[in-house]
PDB file of N, CA and C in Angstrom:
ATOM      1  N   MET A   1     283.936  47.763  64.904  1.00  0.00           N
ATOM      2  CA  MET A   1     284.645  48.976  65.234  1.00  0.00           C
ATOM      3  C   MET A   1     285.040  49.689  63.956  1.00  0.00           C
ATOM      4  N   SER A   2     285.171  50.963  64.046  1.00  0.00           N
ATOM      5  CA  SER A   2     285.577  51.759  62.920  1.00  0.00           C
ATOM      6  C   SER A   2     286.718  52.726  63.309  1.00  0.00           C
ATOM      7  N   GLU A   3     287.408  53.194  62.345  1.00  0.00           N
ATOM      8  CA  GLU A   3     288.584  54.042  62.582  1.00  0.00           C
ATOM      9  C   GLU A   3     288.124  55.496  62.825  1.00  0.00           C
ATOM     10  N   THR A   4     288.684  56.129  63.807  1.00  0.00           N
ATOM     11  CA  THR A   4     288.375  57.599  64.030  1.00  0.00           C
ATOM     12  C   THR A   4     289.743  58.246  64.151  1.00  0.00           C
ATOM     13  N   ALA A   5     289.705  59.555  64.342  1.00  0.00           N
ATOM     14  CA  ALA A   5     291.004  60.227  64.456  1.00  0.00           C
ATOM     15  C   ALA A   5     291.758  59.814  65.724  1.00  0.00           C
ATOM     16  N   ASP A   6     291.023  59.358  66.779  1.00  0.00           N
ATOM     17  CA  ASP A   6     291.617  58.979  68.032  1.00  0.00           C
ATOM     18  C   ASP A   6     291.987  57.482  68.065  1.00  0.00           C
ATOM     19  N   GLY A   7     291.619  56.745  67.071  1.00  0.00           N
ATOM     20  CA  GLY A   7     291.860  55.304  67.044  1.00  0.00           C
ATOM     21  C   GLY A   7     290.528  54.590  66.685  1.00  0.00           C
ATOM     22  N   LEU A   8     290.322  53.534  67.370  1.00  0.00           N
ATOM     23  CA  LEU A   8     289.084  52.703  67.065  1.00  0.00           C
ATOM     24  C   LEU A   8     287.908  53.190  67.869  1.00  0.00           C
ATOM     25  N   GLU A   9     286.768  53.205  67.238  1.00  0.00           N
ATOM     26  CA  GLU A   9     285.542  53.633  67.902  1.00  0.00           C
ATOM     27  C   GLU A   9     284.645  52.358  67.994  1.00  0.00           C
ATOM     28  N   THR A  10     284.137  52.193  69.180  1.00  0.00           N
ATOM     29  CA  THR A  10     283.347  50.969  69.489  1.00  0.00           C
ATOM     30  C   THR A  10     281.856  51.229  68.995  1.00  0.00           C
ATOM     31  N   ASP A  11     281.043  50.154  68.840  1.00  0.00           N
ATOM     32  CA  ASP A  11     279.664  50.330  68.559  1.00  0.00           C
ATOM     33  C   ASP A  11     278.959  51.130  69.630  1.00  0.00           C
ATOM     34  N   TYR A  12     279.345  50.901  70.905  1.00  0.00           N
ATOM     35  CA  TYR A  12     278.696  51.709  71.965  1.00  0.00           C
ATOM     36  C   TYR A  12     278.972  53.183  71.813  1.00  0.00           C
ATOM     37  N   GLN A  13     280.143  53.547  71.413  1.00  0.00           N
ATOM     38  CA  GLN A  13     280.486  54.983  71.221  1.00  0.00           C
ATOM     39  C   GLN A  13     279.678  55.546  70.059  1.00  0.00           C
ATOM     40  N   ARG A  14     279.461  54.732  69.031  1.00  0.00           N
ATOM     41  CA  ARG A  14     278.667  55.247  67.893  1.00  0.00           C
ATOM     42  C   ARG A  14     277.189  55.421  68.369  1.00  0.00           C
ATOM     43  N   VAL A  15     276.689  54.419  69.138  1.00  0.00           N
ATOM     44  CA  VAL A  15     275.278  54.516  69.604  1.00  0.00           C
ATOM     45  C   VAL A  15     275.204  55.764  70.524  1.00  0.00           C
ATOM     46  N   GLN A  16     276.260  55.963  71.333  1.00  0.00           N
ATOM     47  CA  GLN A  16     276.214  57.065  72.307  1.00  0.00           C
ATOM     48  C   GLN A  16     276.060  58.420  71.544  1.00  0.00           C
ATOM     49  N   ARG A  17     276.587  58.503  70.354  1.00  0.00           N
ATOM     50  CA  ARG A  17     276.474  59.780  69.626  1.00  0.00           C
ATOM     51  C   ARG A  17     275.151  59.890  68.903  1.00  0.00           C
ATOM     52  N   SER A  18     274.367  58.809  68.809  1.00  0.00           N
ATOM     53  CA  SER A  18     273.152  58.856  68.038  1.00  0.00           C
ATOM     54  C   SER A  18     272.035  59.780  68.676  1.00  0.00           C
ATOM     55  N   ASP A  19     271.179  60.246  67.855  1.00  0.00           N
ATOM     56  CA  ASP A  19     270.105  61.082  68.269  1.00  0.00           C
ATOM     57  C   ASP A  19     269.149  60.320  69.179  1.00  0.00           C
ATOM     58  N   GLU A  20     268.969  58.996  68.901  1.00  0.00           N
ATOM     59  CA  GLU A  20     268.022  58.180  69.699  1.00  0.00           C
ATOM     60  C   GLU A  20     268.586  58.059  71.112  1.00  0.00           C
ATOM     61  N   PHE A  21     269.921  57.793  71.267  1.00  0.00           N
ATOM     62  CA  PHE A  21     270.452  57.674  72.565  1.00  0.00           C
ATOM     63  C   PHE A  21     270.421  59.066  73.362  1.00  0.00           C
ATOM     64  N   GLN A  22     270.713  60.105  72.632  1.00  0.00           N
ATOM     65  CA  GLN A  22     270.681  61.466  73.246  1.00  0.00           C
ATOM     66  C   GLN A  22     269.261  61.780  73.722  1.00  0.00           C
ATOM     67  N   ALA A  23     268.258  61.439  72.921  1.00  0.00           N
ATOM     68  CA  ALA A  23     266.861  61.604  73.368  1.00  0.00           C
ATOM     69  C   ALA A  23     266.542  60.767  74.582  1.00  0.00           C
ATOM     70  N   LEU A  24     267.077  59.574  74.643  1.00  0.00           N
ATOM     71  CA  LEU A  24     266.876  58.625  75.754  1.00  0.00           C
ATOM     72  C   LEU A  24     267.434  59.346  77.051  1.00  0.00           C
ATOM     73  N   LYS A  25     268.638  59.808  76.991  1.00  0.00           N
ATOM     74  CA  LYS A  25     269.266  60.500  78.102  1.00  0.00           C
ATOM     75  C   LYS A  25     268.483  61.722  78.518  1.00  0.00           C
ATOM     76  N   ARG A  26     268.029  62.508  77.575  1.00  0.00           N
ATOM     77  CA  ARG A  26     267.333  63.704  77.808  1.00  0.00           C
ATOM     78  C   ARG A  26     266.021  63.421  78.524  1.00  0.00           C
ATOM     79  N   ARG A  27     265.297  62.437  78.038  1.00  0.00           N
ATOM     80  CA  ARG A  27     264.047  62.011  78.755  1.00  0.00           C
ATOM     81  C   ARG A  27     264.271  61.588  80.081  1.00  0.00           C
ATOM     82  N   PHE A  28     265.345  60.802  80.357  1.00  0.00           N
ATOM     83  CA  PHE A  28     265.682  60.278  81.649  1.00  0.00           C
ATOM     84  C   PHE A  28     265.965  61.499  82.600  1.00  0.00           C
ATOM     85  N   ARG A  29     266.855  62.409  82.109  1.00  0.00           N
ATOM     86  CA  ARG A  29     267.162  63.586  82.967  1.00  0.00           C
ATOM     87  C   ARG A  29     265.950  64.476  83.235  1.00  0.00           C
ATOM     88  N   ASN A  30     265.102  64.629  82.248  1.00  0.00           N
ATOM     89  CA  ASN A  30     263.919  65.489  82.420  1.00  0.00           C
ATOM     90  C   ASN A  30     262.923  64.889  83.412  1.00  0.00           C
ATOM     91  N   PHE A  31     262.982  63.578  83.638  1.00  0.00           N
ATOM     92  CA  PHE A  31     262.148  62.993  84.624  1.00  0.00           C
ATOM     93  C   PHE A  31     262.790  62.893  85.969  1.00  0.00           C
ATOM     94  N   VAL A  32     264.079  62.396  86.034  1.00  0.00           N
ATOM     95  CA  VAL A  32     264.698  62.099  87.256  1.00  0.00           C
ATOM     96  C   VAL A  32     265.175  63.319  88.031  1.00  0.00           C
ATOM     97  N   PHE A  33     265.706  64.365  87.380  1.00  0.00           N
ATOM     98  CA  PHE A  33     266.142  65.513  88.138  1.00  0.00           C
ATOM     99  C   PHE A  33     265.085  66.237  88.776  1.00  0.00           C
ATOM    100  N   PRO A  34     263.905  66.577  88.150  1.00  0.00           N
ATOM    101  CA  PRO A  34     262.825  67.250  88.864  1.00  0.00           C
ATOM    102  C   PRO A  34     262.265  66.372  89.970  1.00  0.00           C
ATOM    103  N   MET A  35     262.078  65.123  89.734  1.00  0.00           N
ATOM    104  CA  MET A  35     261.601  64.210  90.804  1.00  0.00           C
ATOM    105  C   MET A  35     262.516  64.126  92.002  1.00  0.00           C
ATOM    106  N   THR A  36     263.835  64.102  91.737  1.00  0.00           N
ATOM    107  CA  THR A  36     264.774  64.128  92.866  1.00  0.00           C
ATOM    108  C   THR A  36     264.734  65.423  93.623  1.00  0.00           C
ATOM    109  N   ALA A  37     264.642  66.549  92.862  1.00  0.00           N
ATOM    110  CA  ALA A  37     264.575  67.818  93.546  1.00  0.00           C
ATOM    111  C   ALA A  37     263.327  67.914  94.352  1.00  0.00           C
ATOM    112  N   LEU A  38     262.216  67.481  93.816  1.00  0.00           N
ATOM    113  CA  LEU A  38     260.897  67.472  94.599  1.00  0.00           C
ATOM    114  C   LEU A  38     261.056  66.657  95.896  1.00  0.00           C
ATOM    115  N   PHE A  39     261.585  65.457  95.764  1.00  0.00           N
ATOM    116  CA  PHE A  39     261.711  64.612  96.942  1.00  0.00           C
ATOM    117  C   PHE A  39     262.667  65.195  97.996  1.00  0.00           C
ATOM    118  N   LEU A  40     263.794  65.803  97.570  1.00  0.00           N
ATOM    119  CA  LEU A  40     264.684  66.417  98.475  1.00  0.00           C
ATOM    120  C   LEU A  40     264.113  67.581  99.183  1.00  0.00           C
ATOM    121  N   ILE A  41     263.380  68.355  98.486  1.00  0.00           N
ATOM    122  CA  ILE A  41     262.695  69.527  99.141  1.00  0.00           C
ATOM    123  C   ILE A  41     261.680  68.980 100.161  1.00  0.00           C
ATOM    124  N   TRP A  42     260.932  68.003  99.801  1.00  0.00           N
ATOM    125  CA  TRP A  42     259.931  67.365 100.738  1.00  0.00           C
ATOM    126  C   TRP A  42     260.681  66.817 101.947  1.00  0.00           C
ATOM    127  N   TYR A  43     261.813  66.141 101.731  1.00  0.00           N
ATOM    128  CA  TYR A  43     262.577  65.603 102.865  1.00  0.00           C
ATOM    129  C   TYR A  43     263.191  66.752 103.778  1.00  0.00           C
ATOM    130  N   PHE A  44     263.777  67.665 103.199  1.00  0.00           N
ATOM    131  CA  PHE A  44     264.264  68.780 104.010  1.00  0.00           C
ATOM    132  C   PHE A  44     263.338  69.650 104.735  1.00  0.00           C
ATOM    133  N   VAL A  45     262.098  69.776 104.134  1.00  0.00           N
ATOM    134  CA  VAL A  45     261.070  70.386 104.906  1.00  0.00           C
ATOM    135  C   VAL A  45     260.601  69.621 106.073  1.00  0.00           C
ATOM    136  N   TYR A  46     260.546  68.312 105.935  1.00  0.00           N
ATOM    137  CA  TYR A  46     260.248  67.448 107.027  1.00  0.00           C
ATOM    138  C   TYR A  46     261.267  67.573 108.149  1.00  0.00           C
ATOM    139  N   VAL A  47     262.569  67.491 107.824  1.00  0.00           N
ATOM    140  CA  VAL A  47     263.674  67.623 108.753  1.00  0.00           C
ATOM    141  C   VAL A  47     263.652  68.980 109.458  1.00  0.00           C
ATOM    142  N   LEU A  48     263.470  70.039 108.672  1.00  0.00           N
ATOM    143  CA  LEU A  48     263.478  71.380 109.213  1.00  0.00           C
ATOM    144  C   LEU A  48     262.245  71.532 110.195  1.00  0.00           C
ATOM    145  N   LEU A  49     261.109  71.076 109.778  1.00  0.00           N
ATOM    146  CA  LEU A  49     259.911  71.155 110.618  1.00  0.00           C
ATOM    147  C   LEU A  49     260.132  70.336 111.945  1.00  0.00           C
ATOM    148  N   ALA A  50     260.754  69.212 111.855  1.00  0.00           N
ATOM    149  CA  ALA A  50     261.030  68.421 112.984  1.00  0.00           C
ATOM    150  C   ALA A  50     261.950  69.043 113.949  1.00  0.00           C
ATOM    151  N   ASP A  51     262.910  69.842 113.343  1.00  0.00           N
ATOM    152  CA  ASP A  51     263.935  70.474 114.196  1.00  0.00           C
ATOM    153  C   ASP A  51     263.434  71.829 114.762  1.00  0.00           C
ATOM    154  N   TYR A  52     262.687  72.569 113.989  1.00  0.00           N
ATOM    155  CA  TYR A  52     262.388  73.931 114.340  1.00  0.00           C
ATOM    156  C   TYR A  52     260.890  74.176 114.707  1.00  0.00           C
ATOM    157  N   ALA A  53     260.016  73.314 114.395  1.00  0.00           N
ATOM    158  CA  ALA A  53     258.554  73.500 114.589  1.00  0.00           C
ATOM    159  C   ALA A  53     258.032  72.370 115.463  1.00  0.00           C
ATOM    160  N   HIS A  54     258.596  72.274 116.720  1.00  0.00           N
ATOM    161  CA  HIS A  54     258.217  71.190 117.556  1.00  0.00           C
ATOM    162  C   HIS A  54     256.729  71.245 117.916  1.00  0.00           C
ATOM    163  N   ASP A  55     256.212  72.364 118.178  1.00  0.00           N
ATOM    164  CA  ASP A  55     254.831  72.402 118.566  1.00  0.00           C
ATOM    165  C   ASP A  55     253.941  72.041 117.428  1.00  0.00           C
ATOM    166  N   PHE A  56     254.216  72.460 116.204  1.00  0.00           N
ATOM    167  CA  PHE A  56     253.421  72.065 115.041  1.00  0.00           C
ATOM    168  C   PHE A  56     253.503  70.552 114.883  1.00  0.00           C
ATOM    169  N   MET A  57     254.755  70.000 114.863  1.00  0.00           N
ATOM    170  CA  MET A  57     254.900  68.586 114.650  1.00  0.00           C
ATOM    171  C   MET A  57     254.274  67.691 115.776  1.00  0.00           C
ATOM    172  N   ALA A  58     254.212  68.291 116.953  1.00  0.00           N
ATOM    173  CA  ALA A  58     253.608  67.563 118.046  1.00  0.00           C
ATOM    174  C   ALA A  58     252.103  67.664 118.094  1.00  0.00           C
ATOM    175  N   THR A  59     251.482  68.429 117.171  1.00  0.00           N
ATOM    176  CA  THR A  59     250.037  68.609 117.182  1.00  0.00           C
ATOM    177  C   THR A  59     249.365  67.205 116.996  1.00  0.00           C
ATOM    178  N   LYS A  60     248.414  66.974 117.830  1.00  0.00           N
ATOM    179  CA  LYS A  60     247.753  65.702 117.740  1.00  0.00           C
ATOM    180  C   LYS A  60     246.665  65.813 116.723  1.00  0.00           C
ATOM    181  N   VAL A  61     246.559  64.879 115.862  1.00  0.00           N
ATOM    182  CA  VAL A  61     245.622  64.800 114.764  1.00  0.00           C
ATOM    183  C   VAL A  61     244.419  63.965 115.182  1.00  0.00           C
ATOM    184  N   TRP A  62     244.731  62.782 115.695  1.00  0.00           N
ATOM    185  CA  TRP A  62     243.754  61.828 116.154  1.00  0.00           C
ATOM    186  C   TRP A  62     244.332  60.905 117.211  1.00  0.00           C
ATOM    187  N   GLY A  63     243.860  60.851 118.394  1.00  0.00           N
ATOM    188  CA  GLY A  63     244.485  60.063 119.427  1.00  0.00           C
ATOM    189  C   GLY A  63     245.910  60.474 119.693  1.00  0.00           C
ATOM    190  N   ASN A  64     246.814  59.512 119.609  1.00  0.00           N
ATOM    191  CA  ASN A  64     248.281  59.806 119.763  1.00  0.00           C
ATOM    192  C   ASN A  64     248.963  60.011 118.463  1.00  0.00           C
ATOM    193  N   ILE A  65     248.196  60.180 117.392  1.00  0.00           N
ATOM    194  CA  ILE A  65     248.780  60.315 116.022  1.00  0.00           C
ATOM    195  C   ILE A  65     249.087  61.857 115.875  1.00  0.00           C
ATOM    196  N   THR A  66     250.336  62.217 115.655  1.00  0.00           N
ATOM    197  CA  THR A  66     250.710  63.592 115.518  1.00  0.00           C
ATOM    198  C   THR A  66     251.031  63.922 114.002  1.00  0.00           C
ATOM    199  N   VAL A  67     251.104  65.289 113.774  1.00  0.00           N
ATOM    200  CA  VAL A  67     251.477  65.719 112.415  1.00  0.00           C
ATOM    201  C   VAL A  67     252.845  65.192 112.089  1.00  0.00           C
ATOM    202  N   GLY A  68     253.795  65.159 113.036  1.00  0.00           N
ATOM    203  CA  GLY A  68     255.162  64.602 112.744  1.00  0.00           C
ATOM    204  C   GLY A  68     255.178  63.147 112.345  1.00  0.00           C
ATOM    205  N   LEU A  69     254.327  62.406 113.040  1.00  0.00           N
ATOM    206  CA  LEU A  69     254.213  60.953 112.676  1.00  0.00           C
ATOM    207  C   LEU A  69     253.683  60.800 111.308  1.00  0.00           C
ATOM    208  N   LEU A  70     252.582  61.583 110.984  1.00  0.00           N
ATOM    209  CA  LEU A  70     252.021  61.524 109.539  1.00  0.00           C
ATOM    210  C   LEU A  70     253.069  61.923 108.556  1.00  0.00           C
ATOM    211  N   PHE A  71     253.837  63.001 108.846  1.00  0.00           N
ATOM    212  CA  PHE A  71     254.891  63.421 107.843  1.00  0.00           C
ATOM    213  C   PHE A  71     255.930  62.367 107.738  1.00  0.00           C
ATOM    214  N   GLY A  72     256.337  61.754 108.842  1.00  0.00           N
ATOM    215  CA  GLY A  72     257.312  60.635 108.776  1.00  0.00           C
ATOM    216  C   GLY A  72     256.810  59.410 107.933  1.00  0.00           C
ATOM    217  N   LEU A  73     255.599  59.048 108.204  1.00  0.00           N
ATOM    218  CA  LEU A  73     255.028  58.014 107.354  1.00  0.00           C
ATOM    219  C   LEU A  73     254.879  58.454 105.898  1.00  0.00           C
ATOM    220  N   GLY A  74     254.599  59.706 105.706  1.00  0.00           N
ATOM    221  CA  GLY A  74     254.598  60.248 104.367  1.00  0.00           C
ATOM    222  C   GLY A  74     255.897  60.115 103.621  1.00  0.00           C
ATOM    223  N   GLN A  75     257.019  60.219 104.340  1.00  0.00           N
ATOM    224  CA  GLN A  75     258.313  60.024 103.687  1.00  0.00           C
ATOM    225  C   GLN A  75     258.399  58.578 103.178  1.00  0.00           C
ATOM    226  N   PHE A  76     258.028  57.606 103.899  1.00  0.00           N
ATOM    227  CA  PHE A  76     257.994  56.234 103.465  1.00  0.00           C
ATOM    228  C   PHE A  76     257.065  56.088 102.282  1.00  0.00           C
ATOM    229  N   ALA A  77     255.886  56.575 102.433  1.00  0.00           N
ATOM    230  CA  ALA A  77     254.887  56.447 101.371  1.00  0.00           C
ATOM    231  C   ALA A  77     255.399  57.166 100.036  1.00  0.00           C
ATOM    232  N   SER A  78     255.945  58.357 100.162  1.00  0.00           N
ATOM    233  CA  SER A  78     256.418  59.056  98.962  1.00  0.00           C
ATOM    234  C   SER A  78     257.577  58.260  98.264  1.00  0.00           C
ATOM    235  N   THR A  79     258.358  57.637  99.061  1.00  0.00           N
ATOM    236  CA  THR A  79     259.446  56.824  98.437  1.00  0.00           C
ATOM    237  C   THR A  79     258.885  55.688  97.610  1.00  0.00           C
ATOM    238  N   PHE A  80     257.928  54.944  98.086  1.00  0.00           N
ATOM    239  CA  PHE A  80     257.323  53.921  97.374  1.00  0.00           C
ATOM    240  C   PHE A  80     256.536  54.411  96.132  1.00  0.00           C
ATOM    241  N   ILE A  81     255.911  55.563  96.310  1.00  0.00           N
ATOM    242  CA  ILE A  81     255.113  56.123  95.206  1.00  0.00           C
ATOM    243  C   ILE A  81     256.069  56.606  94.082  1.00  0.00           C
ATOM    244  N   ILE A  82     257.115  57.247  94.463  1.00  0.00           N
ATOM    245  CA  ILE A  82     258.100  57.733  93.392  1.00  0.00           C
ATOM    246  C   ILE A  82     258.683  56.480  92.713  1.00  0.00           C
ATOM    247  N   THR A  83     258.956  55.357  93.390  1.00  0.00           N
ATOM    248  CA  THR A  83     259.518  54.166  92.841  1.00  0.00           C
ATOM    249  C   THR A  83     258.521  53.602  91.800  1.00  0.00           C
ATOM    250  N   MET A  84     257.242  53.580  92.219  1.00  0.00           N
ATOM    251  CA  MET A  84     256.231  52.995  91.306  1.00  0.00           C
ATOM    252  C   MET A  84     256.066  53.858  90.122  1.00  0.00           C
ATOM    253  N   VAL A  85     255.965  55.144  90.322  1.00  0.00           N
ATOM    254  CA  VAL A  85     255.816  56.104  89.210  1.00  0.00           C
ATOM    255  C   VAL A  85     257.081  55.961  88.204  1.00  0.00           C
ATOM    256  N   TYR A  86     258.181  55.895  88.788  1.00  0.00           N
ATOM    257  CA  TYR A  86     259.414  55.788  87.937  1.00  0.00           C
ATOM    258  C   TYR A  86     259.378  54.433  87.136  1.00  0.00           C
ATOM    259  N   ALA A  87     259.049  53.364  87.791  1.00  0.00           N
ATOM    260  CA  ALA A  87     259.017  52.089  87.150  1.00  0.00           C
ATOM    261  C   ALA A  87     258.008  52.048  85.969  1.00  0.00           C
ATOM    262  N   ARG A  88     256.823  52.602  86.229  1.00  0.00           N
ATOM    263  CA  ARG A  88     255.790  52.697  85.146  1.00  0.00           C
ATOM    264  C   ARG A  88     256.295  53.572  84.034  1.00  0.00           C
ATOM    265  N   TRP A  89     256.891  54.720  84.381  1.00  0.00           N
ATOM    266  CA  TRP A  89     257.363  55.675  83.320  1.00  0.00           C
ATOM    267  C   TRP A  89     258.448  55.032  82.556  1.00  0.00           C
ATOM    268  N   ALA A  90     259.403  54.352  83.178  1.00  0.00           N
ATOM    269  CA  ALA A  90     260.538  53.708  82.492  1.00  0.00           C
ATOM    270  C   ALA A  90     260.004  52.616  81.652  1.00  0.00           C
ATOM    271  N   ASN A  91     259.067  51.810  82.075  1.00  0.00           N
ATOM    272  CA  ASN A  91     258.509  50.716  81.272  1.00  0.00           C
ATOM    273  C   ASN A  91     257.837  51.321  79.972  1.00  0.00           C
ATOM    274  N   ASN A  92     257.174  52.371  80.114  1.00  0.00           N
ATOM    275  CA  ASN A  92     256.380  52.970  79.023  1.00  0.00           C
ATOM    276  C   ASN A  92     257.226  53.834  78.056  1.00  0.00           C
ATOM    277  N   ARG A  93     258.232  54.542  78.563  1.00  0.00           N
ATOM    278  CA  ARG A  93     258.987  55.541  77.790  1.00  0.00           C
ATOM    279  C   ARG A  93     260.387  55.204  77.458  1.00  0.00           C
ATOM    280  N   GLN A  94     261.036  54.323  78.376  1.00  0.00           N
ATOM    281  CA  GLN A  94     262.535  54.201  78.093  1.00  0.00           C
ATOM    282  C   GLN A  94     262.964  52.807  77.796  1.00  0.00           C
ATOM    283  N   ASP A  95     262.366  51.830  78.281  1.00  0.00           N
ATOM    284  CA  ASP A  95     262.782  50.465  78.178  1.00  0.00           C
ATOM    285  C   ASP A  95     262.902  49.976  76.720  1.00  0.00           C
ATOM    286  N   ALA A  96     261.837  50.298  75.917  1.00  0.00           N
ATOM    287  CA  ALA A  96     261.838  49.854  74.512  1.00  0.00           C
ATOM    288  C   ALA A  96     263.003  50.456  73.757  1.00  0.00           C
ATOM    289  N   VAL A  97     263.201  51.654  73.942  1.00  0.00           N
ATOM    290  CA  VAL A  97     264.346  52.373  73.240  1.00  0.00           C
ATOM    291  C   VAL A  97     265.708  51.795  73.704  1.00  0.00           C
ATOM    292  N   ALA A  98     265.835  51.622  75.057  1.00  0.00           N
ATOM    293  CA  ALA A  98     267.119  51.079  75.565  1.00  0.00           C
ATOM    294  C   ALA A  98     267.317  49.725  75.098  1.00  0.00           C
ATOM    295  N   GLU A  99     266.269  48.851  74.972  1.00  0.00           N
ATOM    296  CA  GLU A  99     266.425  47.515  74.493  1.00  0.00           C
ATOM    297  C   GLU A  99     266.818  47.541  73.028  1.00  0.00           C
ATOM    298  N   ARG A 100     266.274  48.384  72.199  1.00  0.00           N
ATOM    299  CA  ARG A 100     266.535  48.541  70.819  1.00  0.00           C
ATOM    300  C   ARG A 100     268.049  48.893  70.654  1.00  0.00           C
ATOM    301  N   LEU A 101     268.476  49.830  71.402  1.00  0.00           N
ATOM    302  CA  LEU A 101     269.919  50.283  71.303  1.00  0.00           C
ATOM    303  C   LEU A 101     270.805  49.144  71.777  1.00  0.00           C
ATOM    304  N   ARG A 102     270.462  48.409  72.825  1.00  0.00           N
ATOM    305  CA  ARG A 102     271.282  47.313  73.297  1.00  0.00           C
ATOM    306  C   ARG A 102     271.430  46.221  72.254  1.00  0.00           C
ATOM    307  N   LEU A 103     270.291  45.919  71.560  1.00  0.00           N
ATOM    308  CA  LEU A 103     270.357  44.917  70.509  1.00  0.00           C
ATOM    309  C   LEU A 103     271.229  45.320  69.347  1.00  0.00           C
ATOM    310  N   HIS A 104     271.167  46.575  69.014  1.00  0.00           N
ATOM    311  CA  HIS A 104     272.074  47.126  67.939  1.00  0.00           C
ATOM    312  C   HIS A 104     273.553  46.906  68.297  1.00  0.00           C
ATOM    313  N   ILE A 105     273.859  47.173  69.589  1.00  0.00           N
ATOM    314  CA  ILE A 105     275.238  46.980  70.018  1.00  0.00           C
ATOM    315  C   ILE A 105     275.621  45.472  69.975  1.00  0.00           C
ATOM    316  N   GLU A 106     274.749  44.639  70.557  1.00  0.00           N
ATOM    317  CA  GLU A 106     275.068  43.201  70.694  1.00  0.00           C
ATOM    318  C   GLU A 106     275.128  42.530  69.304  1.00  0.00           C
ATOM    319  N   GLU A 107     274.259  42.960  68.371  1.00  0.00           N
ATOM    320  CA  GLU A 107     274.220  42.333  67.030  1.00  0.00           C
ATOM    321  C   GLU A 107     275.214  42.953  66.091  1.00  0.00           C
ATOM    322  N   GLY A 108     275.883  44.058  66.519  1.00  0.00           N
ATOM    323  CA  GLY A 108     276.814  44.699  65.697  1.00  0.00           C
ATOM    324  C   GLY A 108     276.176  45.378  64.472  1.00  0.00           C
ATOM    325  N   THR A 109     274.941  45.819  64.576  1.00  0.00           N
ATOM    326  CA  THR A 109     274.168  46.463  63.505  1.00  0.00           C
ATOM    327  C   THR A 109     274.141  47.940  63.666  1.00  0.00           C
ATOM    328  N   VAL A 110     275.168  48.558  64.108  1.00  0.00           N
ATOM    329  CA  VAL A 110     275.255  49.974  64.345  1.00  0.00           C
ATOM    330  C   VAL A 110     275.991  50.643  63.162  1.00  0.00           C
ATOM    331  N   ASP A 111     275.417  51.620  62.503  1.00  0.00           N
ATOM    332  CA  ASP A 111     276.092  52.316  61.434  1.00  0.00           C
ATOM    333  C   ASP A 111     276.923  53.452  61.942  1.00  0.00           C
ATOM    334  N   ASN A 112     277.598  54.170  61.154  1.00  0.00           N
ATOM    335  CA  ASN A 112     278.463  55.242  61.659  1.00  0.00           C
ATOM    336  C   ASN A 112     277.760  56.382  62.185  1.00  0.00           C
ATOM    337  N   GLN A 113     276.472  56.519  62.071  1.00  0.00           N
ATOM    338  CA  GLN A 113     275.724  57.599  62.676  1.00  0.00           C
ATOM    339  C   GLN A 113     275.076  57.147  63.993  1.00  0.00           C
ATOM    340  N   GLY A 114     275.349  55.946  64.390  1.00  0.00           N
ATOM    341  CA  GLY A 114     274.876  55.424  65.714  1.00  0.00           C
ATOM    342  C   GLY A 114     273.521  54.804  65.693  1.00  0.00           C
ATOM    343  N   GLY A 115     272.930  54.639  64.521  1.00  0.00           N
ATOM    344  CA  GLY A 115     271.629  54.039  64.411  1.00  0.00           C
ATOM    345  C   GLY A 115     271.718  52.640  63.928  1.00  0.00           C
ATOM    346  N   ALA A 116     270.605  52.002  63.563  1.00  0.00           N
ATOM    347  CA  ALA A 116     270.647  50.643  63.060  1.00  0.00           C
ATOM    348  C   ALA A 116     271.132  50.681  61.612  1.00  0.00           C
ATOM    349  N   ALA A 117     271.959  49.628  61.364  1.00  0.00           N
ATOM    350  CA  ALA A 117     272.472  49.560  60.004  1.00  0.00           C
ATOM    351  C   ALA A 117     271.512  48.871  59.112  1.00  0.00           C
TER     352      ALA A 117
END
């Protein structure tokens, strides 16, 4: 810990101020917010179609399979796809940086600029 104007500053607070941590947060937000918005739009389109476009959603595609059923199954599929895409993205882009920052905190090797000492 080091002295600041407000009292003691923890290693985590120093890491939190670091450029590396800020870049980690920025990359996370740049991935998660658009993905969340896309999924919510897809979900609300499904709900609105189910509520207001009965004839369209009841259109038979093959046998007793309707457009509404395919869209409903698409909701499940898109959830799993988003989860897999996020896991791969996090493994490739975020995890190594987060692990490095965690080790700096645990080992107490954080300098006053938030990086490795």
